Amino acid sequence: MKNLGRHILAEIYDCDPTILNNSGLIEEILVKAALEAGAEVREVAFHKFSPQGVSGVVIISESHLTIHTWPELGYAAVDVFTCGDRVNPWDACNYISKGLCAKHMDATEVKRGLFDMPVKAINF
């Protein structure tokens, strides 16, 4: 069975709360994670909440990376979705976990766009 993309849903725990509350640093980590995985970054948007927390998205040609942080809990919810075979979403996810100085990550991969028939090659 063919699939169009791979979507990693990551629960990242015991992160550095200072990093989780720094919008600029979170943006830098996610953009670098996309580049480290071989993705092509298109747009970024991040928001710092008051009193704490950051949400953001990095749009890549191959799909997206998102994050929502809870500094008070040392927790981040991260999604990395990539289409095609050129970019490995696990590379980006692992880079993010290290960048957040996480002590633990639980992650699940979901295949997206499952087809029983052959799918034409997708070029990005």
PDB file of N, CA and C in Angstrom:
ATOM      1  N   MET A   1       0.847  -1.176   0.000  1.00  0.00           N
ATOM      2  CA  MET A   1       0.000   0.000   0.000  1.00  0.00           C
ATOM      3  C   MET A   1       0.896   1.244   0.000  1.00  0.00           C
ATOM      4  N   LYS A   2       0.600   2.154  -0.873  1.00  0.00           N
ATOM      5  CA  LYS A   2       1.363   3.397  -0.995  1.00  0.00           C
ATOM      6  C   LYS A   2       0.788   4.465  -0.070  1.00  0.00           C
ATOM      7  N   ASN A   3       1.651   5.367   0.360  1.00  0.00           N
ATOM      8  CA  ASN A   3       1.179   6.507   1.144  1.00  0.00           C
ATOM      9  C   ASN A   3       1.784   7.794   0.599  1.00  0.00           C
ATOM     10  N   LEU A   4       1.059   8.882   0.807  1.00  0.00           N
ATOM     11  CA  LEU A   4       1.523  10.188   0.339  1.00  0.00           C
ATOM     12  C   LEU A   4       2.470  10.861   1.323  1.00  0.00           C
ATOM     13  N   GLY A   5       2.311  10.569   2.611  1.00  0.00           N
ATOM     14  CA  GLY A   5       3.148  11.251   3.594  1.00  0.00           C
ATOM     15  C   GLY A   5       3.252  10.509   4.906  1.00  0.00           C
ATOM     16  N   ARG A   6       4.150  11.031   5.744  1.00  0.00           N
ATOM     17  CA  ARG A   6       4.391  10.486   7.081  1.00  0.00           C
ATOM     18  C   ARG A   6       4.197  11.618   8.083  1.00  0.00           C
ATOM     19  N   HIS A   7       3.438  11.343   9.131  1.00  0.00           N
ATOM     20  CA  HIS A   7       3.103  12.358  10.129  1.00  0.00           C
ATOM     21  C   HIS A   7       3.541  11.842  11.496  1.00  0.00           C
ATOM     22  N   ILE A   8       4.505  12.530  12.095  1.00  0.00           N
ATOM     23  CA  ILE A   8       4.979  12.178  13.430  1.00  0.00           C
ATOM     24  C   ILE A   8       4.241  13.041  14.444  1.00  0.00           C
ATOM     25  N   LEU A   9       3.627  12.403  15.423  1.00  0.00           N
ATOM     26  CA  LEU A   9       2.966  13.085  16.537  1.00  0.00           C
ATOM     27  C   LEU A   9       3.831  12.821  17.764  1.00  0.00           C
ATOM     28  N   ALA A  10       4.444  13.868  18.291  1.00  0.00           N
ATOM     29  CA  ALA A  10       5.411  13.702  19.369  1.00  0.00           C
ATOM     30  C   ALA A  10       4.974  14.403  20.643  1.00  0.00           C
ATOM     31  N   GLU A  11       5.081  13.677  21.740  1.00  0.00           N
ATOM     32  CA  GLU A  11       4.884  14.200  23.091  1.00  0.00           C
ATOM     33  C   GLU A  11       6.287  14.334  23.680  1.00  0.00           C
ATOM     34  N   ILE A  12       6.723  15.559  23.935  1.00  0.00           N
ATOM     35  CA  ILE A  12       8.101  15.783  24.369  1.00  0.00           C
ATOM     36  C   ILE A  12       8.071  16.331  25.794  1.00  0.00           C
ATOM     37  N   TYR A  13       8.694  15.581  26.718  1.00  0.00           N
ATOM     38  CA  TYR A  13       8.604  15.856  28.148  1.00  0.00           C
ATOM     39  C   TYR A  13       9.936  16.255  28.771  1.00  0.00           C
ATOM     40  N   ASP A  14       9.817  16.863  29.943  1.00  0.00           N
ATOM     41  CA  ASP A  14      10.992  17.238  30.746  1.00  0.00           C
ATOM     42  C   ASP A  14      11.965  18.100  29.948  1.00  0.00           C
ATOM     43  N   CYS A  15      11.398  19.101  29.259  1.00  0.00           N
ATOM     44  CA  CYS A  15      12.193  20.046  28.475  1.00  0.00           C
ATOM     45  C   CYS A  15      12.623  21.217  29.352  1.00  0.00           C
ATOM     46  N   ASP A  16      13.596  21.963  28.887  1.00  0.00           N
ATOM     47  CA  ASP A  16      14.051  23.179  29.568  1.00  0.00           C
ATOM     48  C   ASP A  16      12.939  24.229  29.455  1.00  0.00           C
ATOM     49  N   PRO A  17      12.325  24.643  30.570  1.00  0.00           N
ATOM     50  CA  PRO A  17      11.212  25.598  30.514  1.00  0.00           C
ATOM     51  C   PRO A  17      11.610  26.961  29.944  1.00  0.00           C
ATOM     52  N   THR A  18      12.852  27.340  30.122  1.00  0.00           N
ATOM     53  CA  THR A  18      13.313  28.615  29.577  1.00  0.00           C
ATOM     54  C   THR A  18      13.276  28.586  28.050  1.00  0.00           C
ATOM     55  N   ILE A  19      13.684  27.474  27.473  1.00  0.00           N
ATOM     56  CA  ILE A  19      13.633  27.321  26.019  1.00  0.00           C
ATOM     57  C   ILE A  19      12.178  27.307  25.552  1.00  0.00           C
ATOM     58  N   LEU A  20      11.333  26.567  26.267  1.00  0.00           N
ATOM     59  CA  LEU A  20       9.928  26.439  25.875  1.00  0.00           C
ATOM     60  C   LEU A  20       9.175  27.764  25.890  1.00  0.00           C
ATOM     61  N   ASN A  21       9.704  28.742  26.594  1.00  0.00           N
ATOM     62  CA  ASN A  21       9.029  30.039  26.703  1.00  0.00           C
ATOM     63  C   ASN A  21       9.669  31.113  25.834  1.00  0.00           C
ATOM     64  N   ASN A  22      10.641  30.730  25.011  1.00  0.00           N
ATOM     65  CA  ASN A  22      11.385  31.679  24.193  1.00  0.00           C
ATOM     66  C   ASN A  22      10.975  31.506  22.726  1.00  0.00           C
ATOM     67  N   SER A  23      10.096  32.378  22.249  1.00  0.00           N
ATOM     68  CA  SER A  23       9.555  32.267  20.898  1.00  0.00           C
ATOM     69  C   SER A  23      10.646  32.277  19.833  1.00  0.00           C
ATOM     70  N   GLY A  24      11.608  33.175  19.964  1.00  0.00           N
ATOM     71  CA  GLY A  24      12.686  33.266  18.980  1.00  0.00           C
ATOM     72  C   GLY A  24      13.522  32.005  18.919  1.00  0.00           C
ATOM     73  N   LEU A  25      13.814  31.422  20.068  1.00  0.00           N
ATOM     74  CA  LEU A  25      14.611  30.199  20.116  1.00  0.00           C
ATOM     75  C   LEU A  25      13.819  29.004  19.587  1.00  0.00           C
ATOM     76  N   ILE A  26      12.548  28.931  19.928  1.00  0.00           N
ATOM     77  CA  ILE A  26      11.698  27.854  19.414  1.00  0.00           C
ATOM     78  C   ILE A  26      11.627  27.927  17.888  1.00  0.00           C
ATOM     79  N   GLU A  27      11.458  29.130  17.357  1.00  0.00           N
ATOM     80  CA  GLU A  27      11.427  29.301  15.902  1.00  0.00           C
ATOM     81  C   GLU A  27      12.733  28.834  15.277  1.00  0.00           C
ATOM     82  N   GLU A  28      13.841  29.228  15.871  1.00  0.00           N
ATOM     83  CA  GLU A  28      15.160  28.825  15.351  1.00  0.00           C
ATOM     84  C   GLU A  28      15.311  27.303  15.357  1.00  0.00           C
ATOM     85  N   ILE A  29      14.893  26.657  16.431  1.00  0.00           N
ATOM     86  CA  ILE A  29      15.002  25.197  16.540  1.00  0.00           C
ATOM     87  C   ILE A  29      14.171  24.510  15.465  1.00  0.00           C
ATOM     88  N   LEU A  30      12.933  24.953  15.261  1.00  0.00           N
ATOM     89  CA  LEU A  30      12.081  24.302  14.274  1.00  0.00           C
ATOM     90  C   LEU A  30      12.559  24.535  12.843  1.00  0.00           C
ATOM     91  N   VAL A  31      13.019  25.736  12.545  1.00  0.00           N
ATOM     92  CA  VAL A  31      13.539  26.004  11.198  1.00  0.00           C
ATOM     93  C   VAL A  31      14.781  25.158  10.939  1.00  0.00           C
ATOM     94  N   LYS A  32      15.685  25.100  11.916  1.00  0.00           N
ATOM     95  CA  LYS A  32      16.890  24.279  11.749  1.00  0.00           C
ATOM     96  C   LYS A  32      16.540  22.801  11.645  1.00  0.00           C
ATOM     97  N   ALA A  33      15.516  22.363  12.380  1.00  0.00           N
ATOM     98  CA  ALA A  33      15.083  20.965  12.295  1.00  0.00           C
ATOM     99  C   ALA A  33      14.606  20.643  10.883  1.00  0.00           C
ATOM    100  N   ALA A  34      13.839  21.541  10.301  1.00  0.00           N
ATOM    101  CA  ALA A  34      13.362  21.340   8.929  1.00  0.00           C
ATOM    102  C   ALA A  34      14.538  21.250   7.961  1.00  0.00           C
ATOM    103  N   LEU A  35      15.479  22.155   8.102  1.00  0.00           N
ATOM    104  CA  LEU A  35      16.645  22.170   7.211  1.00  0.00           C
ATOM    105  C   LEU A  35      17.516  20.937   7.413  1.00  0.00           C
ATOM    106  N   GLU A  36      17.707  20.517   8.668  1.00  0.00           N
ATOM    107  CA  GLU A  36      18.501  19.321   8.963  1.00  0.00           C
ATOM    108  C   GLU A  36      17.887  18.075   8.325  1.00  0.00           C
ATOM    109  N   ALA A  37      16.561  18.055   8.221  1.00  0.00           N
ATOM    110  CA  ALA A  37      15.869  16.911   7.620  1.00  0.00           C
ATOM    111  C   ALA A  37      15.870  16.984   6.098  1.00  0.00           C
ATOM    112  N   GLY A  38      16.352  18.095   5.546  1.00  0.00           N
ATOM    113  CA  GLY A  38      16.412  18.241   4.099  1.00  0.00           C
ATOM    114  C   GLY A  38      15.193  18.896   3.489  1.00  0.00           C
ATOM    115  N   ALA A  39      14.351  19.508   4.310  1.00  0.00           N
ATOM    116  CA  ALA A  39      13.139  20.151   3.815  1.00  0.00           C
ATOM    117  C   ALA A  39      13.441  21.562   3.308  1.00  0.00           C
ATOM    118  N   GLU A  40      12.514  22.072   2.515  1.00  0.00           N
ATOM    119  CA  GLU A  40      12.620  23.427   1.979  1.00  0.00           C
ATOM    120  C   GLU A  40      11.621  24.318   2.722  1.00  0.00           C
ATOM    121  N   VAL A  41      12.138  25.261   3.523  1.00  0.00           N
ATOM    122  CA  VAL A  41      11.290  26.136   4.329  1.00  0.00           C
ATOM    123  C   VAL A  41      10.656  27.205   3.442  1.00  0.00           C
ATOM    124  N   ARG A  42       9.345  27.379   3.607  1.00  0.00           N
ATOM    125  CA  ARG A  42       8.584  28.372   2.848  1.00  0.00           C
ATOM    126  C   ARG A  42       8.176  29.566   3.703  1.00  0.00           C
ATOM    127  N   GLU A  43       7.534  29.318   4.851  1.00  0.00           N
ATOM    128  CA  GLU A  43       7.064  30.393   5.718  1.00  0.00           C
ATOM    129  C   GLU A  43       7.121  29.945   7.173  1.00  0.00           C
ATOM    130  N   VAL A  44       7.188  30.915   8.080  1.00  0.00           N
ATOM    131  CA  VAL A  44       7.156  30.623   9.514  1.00  0.00           C
ATOM    132  C   VAL A  44       6.207  31.605  10.200  1.00  0.00           C
ATOM    133  N   ALA A  45       5.553  31.127  11.251  1.00  0.00           N
ATOM    134  CA  ALA A  45       4.700  31.981  12.075  1.00  0.00           C
ATOM    135  C   ALA A  45       4.738  31.442  13.499  1.00  0.00           C
ATOM    136  N   PHE A  46       5.089  32.317  14.453  1.00  0.00           N
ATOM    137  CA  PHE A  46       5.175  31.933  15.859  1.00  0.00           C
ATOM    138  C   PHE A  46       4.499  32.987  16.719  1.00  0.00           C
ATOM    139  N   HIS A  47       3.927  32.528  17.835  1.00  0.00           N
ATOM    140  CA  HIS A  47       3.248  33.433  18.756  1.00  0.00           C
ATOM    141  C   HIS A  47       3.641  33.095  20.190  1.00  0.00           C
ATOM    142  N   LYS A  48       4.006  34.123  20.955  1.00  0.00           N
ATOM    143  CA  LYS A  48       4.331  33.987  22.382  1.00  0.00           C
ATOM    144  C   LYS A  48       3.094  34.370  23.169  1.00  0.00           C
ATOM    145  N   PHE A  49       2.646  33.481  24.050  1.00  0.00           N
ATOM    146  CA  PHE A  49       1.478  33.733  24.878  1.00  0.00           C
ATOM    147  C   PHE A  49       1.888  34.378  26.196  1.00  0.00           C
ATOM    148  N   SER A  50       0.933  35.051  26.822  1.00  0.00           N
ATOM    149  CA  SER A  50       1.160  35.654  28.130  1.00  0.00           C
ATOM    150  C   SER A  50       0.255  34.950  29.132  1.00  0.00           C
ATOM    151  N   PRO A  51       0.764  34.438  30.211  1.00  0.00           N
ATOM    152  CA  PRO A  51       2.093  34.706  30.746  1.00  0.00           C
ATOM    153  C   PRO A  51       3.193  33.793  30.199  1.00  0.00           C
ATOM    154  N   GLN A  52       2.805  32.665  29.547  1.00  0.00           N
ATOM    155  CA  GLN A  52       3.843  31.753  29.066  1.00  0.00           C
ATOM    156  C   GLN A  52       3.318  30.856  27.965  1.00  0.00           C
ATOM    157  N   GLY A  53       4.260  30.271  27.224  1.00  0.00           N
ATOM    158  CA  GLY A  53       3.925  29.337  26.162  1.00  0.00           C
ATOM    159  C   GLY A  53       4.145  29.927  24.781  1.00  0.00           C
ATOM    160  N   VAL A  54       4.414  29.035  23.843  1.00  0.00           N
ATOM    161  CA  VAL A  54       4.675  29.415  22.458  1.00  0.00           C
ATOM    162  C   VAL A  54       3.954  28.427  21.554  1.00  0.00           C
ATOM    163  N   SER A  55       3.375  28.929  20.477  1.00  0.00           N
ATOM    164  CA  SER A  55       2.835  28.084  19.414  1.00  0.00           C
ATOM    165  C   SER A  55       3.438  28.563  18.105  1.00  0.00           C
ATOM    166  N   GLY A  56       3.713  27.611  17.217  1.00  0.00           N
ATOM    167  CA  GLY A  56       4.288  28.023  15.946  1.00  0.00           C
ATOM    168  C   GLY A  56       4.194  26.957  14.884  1.00  0.00           C
ATOM    169  N   VAL A  57       4.389  27.432  13.662  1.00  0.00           N
ATOM    170  CA  VAL A  57       4.364  26.537  12.504  1.00  0.00           C
ATOM    171  C   VAL A  57       5.470  26.940  11.526  1.00  0.00           C
ATOM    172  N   VAL A  58       6.098  25.931  10.971  1.00  0.00           N
ATOM    173  CA  VAL A  58       7.049  26.111   9.872  1.00  0.00           C
ATOM    174  C   VAL A  58       6.443  25.395   8.682  1.00  0.00           C
ATOM    175  N   ILE A  59       6.081  26.166   7.663  1.00  0.00           N
ATOM    176  CA  ILE A  59       5.540  25.588   6.439  1.00  0.00           C
ATOM    177  C   ILE A  59       6.724  25.215   5.555  1.00  0.00           C
ATOM    178  N   ILE A  60       6.746  23.969   5.129  1.00  0.00           N
ATOM    179  CA  ILE A  60       7.796  23.484   4.246  1.00  0.00           C
ATOM    180  C   ILE A  60       7.152  23.027   2.937  1.00  0.00           C
ATOM    181  N   SER A  61       7.931  22.961   1.886  1.00  0.00           N
ATOM    182  CA  SER A  61       7.396  22.492   0.606  1.00  0.00           C
ATOM    183  C   SER A  61       6.780  21.108   0.758  1.00  0.00           C
ATOM    184  N   GLU A  62       7.327  20.334   1.677  1.00  0.00           N
ATOM    185  CA  GLU A  62       6.897  18.953   1.873  1.00  0.00           C
ATOM    186  C   GLU A  62       5.744  18.825   2.873  1.00  0.00           C
ATOM    187  N   SER A  63       5.332  19.874   3.560  1.00  0.00           N
ATOM    188  CA  SER A  63       4.159  19.955   4.439  1.00  0.00           C
ATOM    189  C   SER A  63       4.413  20.928   5.586  1.00  0.00           C
ATOM    190  N   HIS A  64       4.614  20.423   6.854  1.00  0.00           N
ATOM    191  CA  HIS A  64       4.749  21.371   7.970  1.00  0.00           C
ATOM    192  C   HIS A  64       5.361  20.748   9.226  1.00  0.00           C
ATOM    193  N   LEU A  65       5.834  21.642  10.102  1.00  0.00           N
ATOM    194  CA  LEU A  65       6.234  21.303  11.468  1.00  0.00           C
ATOM    195  C   LEU A  65       5.465  22.258  12.379  1.00  0.00           C
ATOM    196  N   THR A  66       4.890  21.751  13.469  1.00  0.00           N
ATOM    197  CA  THR A  66       4.195  22.615  14.425  1.00  0.00           C
ATOM    198  C   THR A  66       4.624  22.293  15.838  1.00  0.00           C
ATOM    199  N   ILE A  67       4.457  23.286  16.725  1.00  0.00           N
ATOM    200  CA  ILE A  67       4.776  23.099  18.135  1.00  0.00           C
ATOM    201  C   ILE A  67       3.835  23.933  18.990  1.00  0.00           C
ATOM    202  N   HIS A  68       3.500  23.398  20.145  1.00  0.00           N
ATOM    203  CA  HIS A  68       2.753  24.103  21.186  1.00  0.00           C
ATOM    204  C   HIS A  68       3.456  23.757  22.493  1.00  0.00           C
ATOM    205  N   THR A  69       3.836  24.769  23.261  1.00  0.00           N
ATOM    206  CA  THR A  69       4.620  24.512  24.476  1.00  0.00           C
ATOM    207  C   THR A  69       3.871  24.911  25.747  1.00  0.00           C
ATOM    208  N   TRP A  70       4.181  24.184  26.807  1.00  0.00           N
ATOM    209  CA  TRP A  70       3.705  24.464  28.157  1.00  0.00           C
ATOM    210  C   TRP A  70       4.943  24.506  29.051  1.00  0.00           C
ATOM    211  N   PRO A  71       5.601  25.670  29.153  1.00  0.00           N
ATOM    212  CA  PRO A  71       6.830  25.770  29.948  1.00  0.00           C
ATOM    213  C   PRO A  71       6.631  25.353  31.408  1.00  0.00           C
ATOM    214  N   GLU A  72       5.471  25.676  31.953  1.00  0.00           N
ATOM    215  CA  GLU A  72       5.211  25.348  33.355  1.00  0.00           C
ATOM    216  C   GLU A  72       5.176  23.843  33.611  1.00  0.00           C
ATOM    217  N   LEU A  73       4.993  23.061  32.544  1.00  0.00           N
ATOM    218  CA  LEU A  73       4.973  21.602  32.651  1.00  0.00           C
ATOM    219  C   LEU A  73       6.202  20.953  32.020  1.00  0.00           C
ATOM    220  N   GLY A  74       7.055  21.767  31.388  1.00  0.00           N
ATOM    221  CA  GLY A  74       8.223  21.223  30.695  1.00  0.00           C
ATOM    222  C   GLY A  74       7.831  20.358  29.511  1.00  0.00           C
ATOM    223  N   TYR A  75       6.712  20.692  28.873  1.00  0.00           N
ATOM    224  CA  TYR A  75       6.117  19.837  27.842  1.00  0.00           C
ATOM    225  C   TYR A  75       5.935  20.580  26.523  1.00  0.00           C
ATOM    226  N   ALA A  76       6.122  19.840  25.421  1.00  0.00           N
ATOM    227  CA  ALA A  76       5.846  20.367  24.087  1.00  0.00           C
ATOM    228  C   ALA A  76       5.122  19.312  23.264  1.00  0.00           C
ATOM    229  N   ALA A  77       4.091  19.736  22.548  1.00  0.00           N
ATOM    230  CA  ALA A  77       3.400  18.889  21.575  1.00  0.00           C
ATOM    231  C   ALA A  77       3.925  19.283  20.199  1.00  0.00           C
ATOM    232  N   VAL A  78       4.449  18.314  19.470  1.00  0.00           N
ATOM    233  CA  VAL A  78       5.087  18.585  18.178  1.00  0.00           C
ATOM    234  C   VAL A  78       4.507  17.667  17.113  1.00  0.00           C
ATOM    235  N   ASP A  79       4.222  18.246  15.943  1.00  0.00           N
ATOM    236  CA  ASP A  79       3.819  17.479  14.761  1.00  0.00           C
ATOM    237  C   ASP A  79       4.829  17.762  13.657  1.00  0.00           C
ATOM    238  N   VAL A  80       5.253  16.713  12.994  1.00  0.00           N
ATOM    239  CA  VAL A  80       6.114  16.861  11.819  1.00  0.00           C
ATOM    240  C   VAL A  80       5.482  16.015  10.719  1.00  0.00           C
ATOM    241  N   PHE A  81       4.996  16.686   9.676  1.00  0.00           N
ATOM    242  CA  PHE A  81       4.325  16.006   8.567  1.00  0.00           C
ATOM    243  C   PHE A  81       5.119  16.273   7.299  1.00  0.00           C
ATOM    244  N   THR A  82       5.541  15.207   6.623  1.00  0.00           N
ATOM    245  CA  THR A  82       6.288  15.350   5.379  1.00  0.00           C
ATOM    246  C   THR A  82       5.664  14.472   4.302  1.00  0.00           C
ATOM    247  N   CYS A  83       5.645  14.983   3.097  1.00  0.00           N
ATOM    248  CA  CYS A  83       5.148  14.250   1.936  1.00  0.00           C
ATOM    249  C   CYS A  83       6.328  13.864   1.061  1.00  0.00           C
ATOM    250  N   GLY A  84       6.182  12.788   0.344  1.00  0.00           N
ATOM    251  CA  GLY A  84       7.258  12.325  -0.526  1.00  0.00           C
ATOM    252  C   GLY A  84       8.270  11.507   0.251  1.00  0.00           C
ATOM    253  N   ASP A  85       9.322  11.096  -0.438  1.00  0.00           N
ATOM    254  CA  ASP A  85      10.329  10.216   0.168  1.00  0.00           C
ATOM    255  C   ASP A  85      11.642  10.913   0.488  1.00  0.00           C
ATOM    256  N   ARG A  86      11.778  12.184   0.124  1.00  0.00           N
ATOM    257  CA  ARG A  86      13.063  12.870   0.238  1.00  0.00           C
ATOM    258  C   ARG A  86      13.375  13.322   1.663  1.00  0.00           C
ATOM    259  N   VAL A  87      12.374  13.662   2.455  1.00  0.00           N
ATOM    260  CA  VAL A  87      12.578  14.215   3.794  1.00  0.00           C
ATOM    261  C   VAL A  87      12.124  13.195   4.836  1.00  0.00           C
ATOM    262  N   ASN A  88      12.988  12.947   5.831  1.00  0.00           N
ATOM    263  CA  ASN A  88      12.655  12.014   6.909  1.00  0.00           C
ATOM    264  C   ASN A  88      12.135  12.806   8.113  1.00  0.00           C
ATOM    265  N   PRO A  89      10.845  12.674   8.459  1.00  0.00           N
ATOM    266  CA  PRO A  89      10.299  13.452   9.564  1.00  0.00           C
ATOM    267  C   PRO A  89      10.938  13.119  10.913  1.00  0.00           C
ATOM    268  N   TRP A  90      11.468  11.905  11.046  1.00  0.00           N
ATOM    269  CA  TRP A  90      12.123  11.534  12.307  1.00  0.00           C
ATOM    270  C   TRP A  90      13.380  12.361  12.549  1.00  0.00           C
ATOM    271  N   ASP A  91      14.097  12.704  11.491  1.00  0.00           N
ATOM    272  CA  ASP A  91      15.289  13.549  11.647  1.00  0.00           C
ATOM    273  C   ASP A  91      14.911  14.888  12.262  1.00  0.00           C
ATOM    274  N   ALA A  92      13.830  15.492  11.764  1.00  0.00           N
ATOM    275  CA  ALA A  92      13.373  16.780  12.299  1.00  0.00           C
ATOM    276  C   ALA A  92      12.883  16.634  13.735  1.00  0.00           C
ATOM    277  N   CYS A  93      12.119  15.594  13.996  1.00  0.00           N
ATOM    278  CA  CYS A  93      11.559  15.379  15.333  1.00  0.00           C
ATOM    279  C   CYS A  93      12.665  15.181  16.371  1.00  0.00           C
ATOM    280  N   ASN A  94      13.648  14.367  16.043  1.00  0.00           N
ATOM    281  CA  ASN A  94      14.760  14.139  16.967  1.00  0.00           C
ATOM    282  C   ASN A  94      15.578  15.410  17.188  1.00  0.00           C
ATOM    283  N   TYR A  95      15.754  16.209  16.147  1.00  0.00           N
ATOM    284  CA  TYR A  95      16.474  17.482  16.278  1.00  0.00           C
ATOM    285  C   TYR A  95      15.726  18.408  17.242  1.00  0.00           C
ATOM    286  N   ILE A  96      14.407  18.470  17.118  1.00  0.00           N
ATOM    287  CA  ILE A  96      13.604  19.322  17.996  1.00  0.00           C
ATOM    288  C   ILE A  96      13.728  18.860  19.443  1.00  0.00           C
ATOM    289  N   SER A  97      13.618  17.571  19.671  1.00  0.00           N
ATOM    290  CA  SER A  97      13.726  17.028  21.029  1.00  0.00           C
ATOM    291  C   SER A  97      15.062  17.396  21.665  1.00  0.00           C
ATOM    292  N   LYS A  98      16.140  17.256  20.922  1.00  0.00           N
ATOM    293  CA  LYS A  98      17.461  17.640  21.441  1.00  0.00           C
ATOM    294  C   LYS A  98      17.547  19.141  21.687  1.00  0.00           C
ATOM    295  N   GLY A  99      16.987  19.928  20.767  1.00  0.00           N
ATOM    296  CA  GLY A  99      17.022  21.380  20.907  1.00  0.00           C
ATOM    297  C   GLY A  99      16.268  21.878  22.121  1.00  0.00           C
ATOM    298  N   LEU A 100      15.245  21.137  22.553  1.00  0.00           N
ATOM    299  CA  LEU A 100      14.464  21.504  23.737  1.00  0.00           C
ATOM    300  C   LEU A 100      15.071  20.955  25.020  1.00  0.00           C
ATOM    301  N   CYS A 101      16.202  20.254  24.882  1.00  0.00           N
ATOM    302  CA  CYS A 101      16.878  19.602  26.017  1.00  0.00           C
ATOM    303  C   CYS A 101      15.927  18.644  26.730  1.00  0.00           C
ATOM    304  N   ALA A 102      15.152  17.912  25.943  1.00  0.00           N
ATOM    305  CA  ALA A 102      14.159  16.986  26.486  1.00  0.00           C
ATOM    306  C   ALA A 102      14.828  15.755  27.076  1.00  0.00           C
ATOM    307  N   LYS A 103      14.200  15.237  28.122  1.00  0.00           N
ATOM    308  CA  LYS A 103      14.677  13.998  28.731  1.00  0.00           C
ATOM    309  C   LYS A 103      13.874  12.797  28.237  1.00  0.00           C
ATOM    310  N   HIS A 104      12.687  13.056  27.638  1.00  0.00           N
ATOM    311  CA  HIS A 104      11.838  11.943  27.207  1.00  0.00           C
ATOM    312  C   HIS A 104      10.945  12.383  26.047  1.00  0.00           C
ATOM    313  N   MET A 105      10.788  11.482  25.082  1.00  0.00           N
ATOM    314  CA  MET A 105       9.886  11.742  23.973  1.00  0.00           C
ATOM    315  C   MET A 105       9.118  10.458  23.650  1.00  0.00           C
ATOM    316  N   ASP A 106       7.803  10.580  23.534  1.00  0.00           N
ATOM    317  CA  ASP A 106       6.953   9.511  23.013  1.00  0.00           C
ATOM    318  C   ASP A 106       6.454   9.999  21.660  1.00  0.00           C
ATOM    319  N   ALA A 107       6.625   9.195  20.629  1.00  0.00           N
ATOM    320  CA  ALA A 107       6.208   9.637  19.300  1.00  0.00           C
ATOM    321  C   ALA A 107       5.591   8.478  18.536  1.00  0.00           C
ATOM    322  N   THR A 108       4.644   8.829  17.687  1.00  0.00           N
ATOM    323  CA  THR A 108       3.934   7.863  16.856  1.00  0.00           C
ATOM    324  C   THR A 108       3.966   8.354  15.417  1.00  0.00           C
ATOM    325  N   GLU A 109       4.158   7.425  14.501  1.00  0.00           N
ATOM    326  CA  GLU A 109       4.107   7.769  13.083  1.00  0.00           C
ATOM    327  C   GLU A 109       2.795   7.296  12.487  1.00  0.00           C
ATOM    328  N   VAL A 110       2.151   8.196  11.753  1.00  0.00           N
ATOM    329  CA  VAL A 110       0.914   7.887  11.057  1.00  0.00           C
ATOM    330  C   VAL A 110       1.175   8.050   9.563  1.00  0.00           C
ATOM    331  N   LYS A 111       0.829   7.023   8.787  1.00  0.00           N
ATOM    332  CA  LYS A 111       0.922   7.123   7.327  1.00  0.00           C
ATOM    333  C   LYS A 111      -0.296   7.897   6.850  1.00  0.00           C
ATOM    334  N   ARG A 112      -0.085   8.893   5.989  1.00  0.00           N
ATOM    335  CA  ARG A 112      -1.185   9.724   5.479  1.00  0.00           C
ATOM    336  C   ARG A 112      -1.386   9.446   3.998  1.00  0.00           C
ATOM    337  N   GLY A 113      -2.632   9.505   3.560  1.00  0.00           N
ATOM    338  CA  GLY A 113      -2.943   9.312   2.146  1.00  0.00           C
ATOM    339  C   GLY A 113      -2.629   7.914   1.680  1.00  0.00           C
ATOM    340  N   LEU A 114      -3.235   6.902   2.303  1.00  0.00           N
ATOM    341  CA  LEU A 114      -2.997   5.505   1.934  1.00  0.00           C
ATOM    342  C   LEU A 114      -3.810   5.134   0.696  1.00  0.00           C
ATOM    343  N   PHE A 115      -3.138   4.477  -0.250  1.00  0.00           N
ATOM    344  CA  PHE A 115      -3.775   4.075  -1.497  1.00  0.00           C
ATOM    345  C   PHE A 115      -3.419   2.636  -1.819  1.00  0.00           C
ATOM    346  N   ASP A 116      -4.408   1.864  -2.309  1.00  0.00           N
ATOM    347  CA  ASP A 116      -4.159   0.488  -2.753  1.00  0.00           C
ATOM    348  C   ASP A 116      -3.540   0.452  -4.142  1.00  0.00           C
ATOM    349  N   MET A 117      -3.750   1.522  -4.895  1.00  0.00           N
ATOM    350  CA  MET A 117      -3.236   1.564  -6.259  1.00  0.00           C
ATOM    351  C   MET A 117      -1.896   2.323  -6.295  1.00  0.00           C
ATOM    352  N   PRO A 118      -1.126   2.119  -7.339  1.00  0.00           N
ATOM    353  CA  PRO A 118       0.129   2.869  -7.450  1.00  0.00           C
ATOM    354  C   PRO A 118      -0.122   4.376  -7.499  1.00  0.00           C
ATOM    355  N   VAL A 119       0.732   5.109  -6.833  1.00  0.00           N
ATOM    356  CA  VAL A 119       0.645   6.563  -6.813  1.00  0.00           C
ATOM    357  C   VAL A 119       1.788   7.112  -7.642  1.00  0.00           C
ATOM    358  N   LYS A 120       1.494   8.069  -8.510  1.00  0.00           N
ATOM    359  CA  LYS A 120       2.549   8.691  -9.307  1.00  0.00           C
ATOM    360  C   LYS A 120       3.573   9.334  -8.386  1.00  0.00           C
ATOM    361  N   ALA A 121       4.799   9.371  -8.816  1.00  0.00           N
ATOM    362  CA  ALA A 121       5.849  10.012  -8.043  1.00  0.00           C
ATOM    363  C   ALA A 121       5.521  11.486  -7.851  1.00  0.00           C
ATOM    364  N   ILE A 122       5.789  11.965  -6.661  1.00  0.00           N
ATOM    365  CA  ILE A 122       5.568  13.374  -6.329  1.00  0.00           C
ATOM    366  C   ILE A 122       6.931  14.044  -6.245  1.00  0.00           C
ATOM    367  N   ASN A 123       7.124  15.040  -7.053  1.00  0.00           N
ATOM    368  CA  ASN A 123       8.397  15.744  -7.036  1.00  0.00           C
ATOM    369  C   ASN A 123       8.236  17.093  -6.342  1.00  0.00           C
ATOM    370  N   PHE A 124       9.069  17.345  -5.367  1.00  0.00           N
ATOM    371  CA  PHE A 124       9.051  18.625  -4.647  1.00  0.00           C
ATOM    372  C   PHE A 124      10.281  19.424  -4.993  1.00  0.00           C
TER     373      PHE A 124
END
